[in-house]
Every structure is written in structure tokens, then in C-alpha cells.
C-alpha atoms as a PDB file:
ATOM      1  CA  MET A   1       0.000   0.000   0.000  1.00  0.00           C
ATOM      2  CA  GLU A   2       2.826   2.386   0.801  1.00  0.00           C
ATOM      3  CA  VAL A   3       4.337   1.858  -2.668  1.00  0.00           C
ATOM      4  CA  THR A   4       0.948   2.575  -4.284  1.00  0.00           C
ATOM      5  CA  ILE A   5       0.604   5.773  -2.257  1.00  0.00           C
ATOM      6  CA  ALA A   6       4.112   6.879  -3.220  1.00  0.00           C
ATOM      7  CA  LYS A   7       3.375   6.256  -6.916  1.00  0.00           C
ATOM      8  CA  ALA A   8       0.103   8.185  -6.720  1.00  0.00           C
ATOM      9  CA  LEU A   9       1.852  11.144  -5.103  1.00  0.00           C
ATOM     10  CA  GLU A  10       4.535  11.012  -7.778  1.00  0.00           C
ATOM     11  CA  TYR A  11       1.974  10.941 -10.610  1.00  0.00           C
ATOM     12  CA  PHE A  12       0.042  13.891  -9.208  1.00  0.00           C
ATOM     13  CA  ASN A  13       2.933  15.976  -7.902  1.00  0.00           C
ATOM     14  CA  SER A  14       2.322  18.658 -10.529  1.00  0.00           C
ATOM     15  CA  THR A  15      -1.367  19.065  -9.643  1.00  0.00           C
ATOM     16  CA  ARG A  16      -2.972  20.794  -6.693  1.00  0.00           C
ATOM     17  CA  HIS A  17      -4.031  18.193  -4.187  1.00  0.00           C
ATOM     18  CA  THR A  18      -4.685  17.706  -0.506  1.00  0.00           C
ATOM     19  CA  ILE A  19      -3.687  14.611   1.408  1.00  0.00           C
ATOM     20  CA  LEU A  20      -6.394  13.718   3.872  1.00  0.00           C
ATOM     21  CA  TYR A  21      -6.292  10.688   6.148  1.00  0.00           C
ATOM     22  CA  ASN A  22      -9.270   9.105   7.901  1.00  0.00           C
ATOM     23  CA  GLU A  23      -7.477   9.542  11.205  1.00  0.00           C
ATOM     24  CA  ASP A  24      -7.301  13.301  10.621  1.00  0.00           C
ATOM     25  CA  LEU A  25     -11.053  13.438  10.175  1.00  0.00           C
ATOM     26  CA  ILE A  26     -11.653  11.516  13.384  1.00  0.00           C
ATOM     27  CA  ILE A  27      -9.327  13.752  15.383  1.00  0.00           C
ATOM     28  CA  ASN A  28     -10.662  17.006  13.894  1.00  0.00           C
ATOM     29  CA  ARG A  29     -14.279  16.584  12.792  1.00  0.00           C
ATOM     30  CA  THR A  30     -14.639  20.213  11.716  1.00  0.00           C
ATOM     31  CA  MET A  31     -11.910  19.606   9.119  1.00  0.00           C
ATOM     32  CA  PHE A  32     -14.238  17.230   7.291  1.00  0.00           C
ATOM     33  CA  LYS A  33     -17.140  19.665   7.373  1.00  0.00           C
ATOM     34  CA  ASN A  34     -14.958  22.510   6.088  1.00  0.00           C
ATOM     35  CA  PHE A  35     -13.227  20.378   3.467  1.00  0.00           C
ATOM     36  CA  ILE A  36     -16.233  18.561   1.998  1.00  0.00           C
ATOM     37  CA  LYS A  37     -18.797  21.304   2.655  1.00  0.00           C
ATOM     38  CA  LEU A  38     -21.530  18.793   3.447  1.00  0.00           C
ATOM     39  CA  PRO A  39     -23.848  18.921   6.428  1.00  0.00           C
ATOM     40  CA  GLN A  40     -22.766  16.909   9.438  1.00  0.00           C
ATOM     41  CA  MET A  41     -24.789  13.774  10.086  1.00  0.00           C
ATOM     42  CA  VAL A  42     -24.719  10.832  12.418  1.00  0.00           C
ATOM     43  CA  LEU A  43     -23.265   7.786  10.692  1.00  0.00           C
ATOM     44  CA  THR A  44     -23.921   4.248  11.776  1.00  0.00           C
ATOM     45  CA  SER A  45     -22.302   0.959  10.950  1.00  0.00           C
ATOM     46  CA  HIS A  46     -23.396  -2.642  11.005  1.00  0.00           C
ATOM     47  CA  LYS A  47     -19.898  -3.627  12.106  1.00  0.00           C
ATOM     48  CA  ILE A  48     -19.554  -4.827  15.676  1.00  0.00           C
ATOM     49  CA  LYS A  49     -16.552  -4.916  17.961  1.00  0.00           C
ATOM     50  CA  ILE A  50     -15.517  -8.532  18.405  1.00  0.00           C
ATOM     51  CA  HIS A  51     -13.271  -8.134  21.423  1.00  0.00           C
ATOM     52  CA  LYS A  52     -12.964  -6.037  24.544  1.00  0.00           C
ATOM     53  CA  GLY A  53      -9.831  -4.922  26.288  1.00  0.00           C
ATOM     54  CA  PRO A  54      -6.267  -4.452  25.116  1.00  0.00           C
ATOM     55  CA  LEU A  55      -5.011  -6.235  22.019  1.00  0.00           C
ATOM     56  CA  LEU A  56      -2.326  -8.026  24.014  1.00  0.00           C
ATOM     57  CA  ASP A  57      -5.110 -10.034  25.680  1.00  0.00           C
ATOM     58  CA  HIS A  58      -6.193 -11.343  22.266  1.00  0.00           C
ATOM     59  CA  ILE A  59      -2.966 -11.901  20.332  1.00  0.00           C
ATOM     60  CA  LYS A  60      -1.097 -15.082  21.244  1.00  0.00           C
ATOM     61  CA  ASN A  61       2.261 -13.894  19.916  1.00  0.00           C
ATOM     62  CA  TRP A  62       1.864 -10.359  21.297  1.00  0.00           C
ATOM     63  CA  GLU A  63       5.526 -10.015  22.258  1.00  0.00           C
ATOM     64  CA  ASP A  64       6.629 -10.819  18.686  1.00  0.00           C
ATOM     65  CA  VAL A  65       4.068  -8.426  17.203  1.00  0.00           C
ATOM     66  CA  ASN A  66       4.995  -5.715  19.684  1.00  0.00           C
ATOM     67  CA  LYS A  67       8.742  -6.097  19.006  1.00  0.00           C
ATOM     68  CA  THR A  68       8.208  -6.114  15.229  1.00  0.00           C
ATOM     69  CA  LEU A  69       6.013  -3.003  15.130  1.00  0.00           C
ATOM     70  CA  THR A  70       7.806  -0.917  17.756  1.00  0.00           C
ATOM     71  CA  ALA A  71       9.737   1.994  16.200  1.00  0.00           C
ATOM     72  CA  THR A  72       7.875   1.660  12.894  1.00  0.00           C
ATOM     73  CA  ALA A  73       5.087   3.697  11.329  1.00  0.00           C
ATOM     74  CA  TYR A  74       2.667   1.047  12.596  1.00  0.00           C
ATOM     75  CA  GLU A  75       3.535   1.360  16.282  1.00  0.00           C
ATOM     76  CA  ILE A  76       0.465   3.547  16.829  1.00  0.00           C
ATOM     77  CA  PHE A  77      -1.732   0.500  16.264  1.00  0.00           C
ATOM     78  CA  LEU A  78      -0.195  -1.181  19.292  1.00  0.00           C
ATOM     79  CA  HIS A  79      -1.687   1.428  21.589  1.00  0.00           C
ATOM     80  CA  ALA A  80      -5.007   2.128  19.839  1.00  0.00           C
ATOM     81  CA  ASP A  81      -8.265   1.010  21.408  1.00  0.00           C
ATOM     82  CA  TYR A  82     -10.353  -0.683  18.775  1.00  0.00           C
END
């Protein structure tokens, strides 16, 4: 995915564009309203959370996963509450 993103940015480097991540919209909800210019509405999902508590309680090889992802761009997922 990272290679695809890099290629897309390379292809469109001469055009005006804005990079917007889902995480940015969650952190700053007014950004979405100002960027898209659509009215704010409550969104629902049919997805359900399948576990409760920290991920380390659910991943058998947590120490391997933790060691592999620490100090990478994906380390944030180790501490997120899904």
C-alpha cells in the first residue's frame, strides 16, 4: 500500500491536491465539514466490535508483534483502542 501511495503522489505531484487521512477526520471533525462542505450527520455501521480490552489479551504472539512493530510507522496501532 505504501508503494501505491508513493506512486500516486509522484503521478500527481504537478497538480494541486490535498492529502487527507481518515485519522485526521476523526481527530478534527470540523476539518471534514470545512473540506467537503456537506452537512454533518450521524453515521452508523453494522460492524460490531468482536473483542474487549487491550489487544495483548487477544494476540497469542503479542511479544513478537509488539517487538516487530515498535519503532515503525505502525507502532500507533499497538496502543489504539479498537
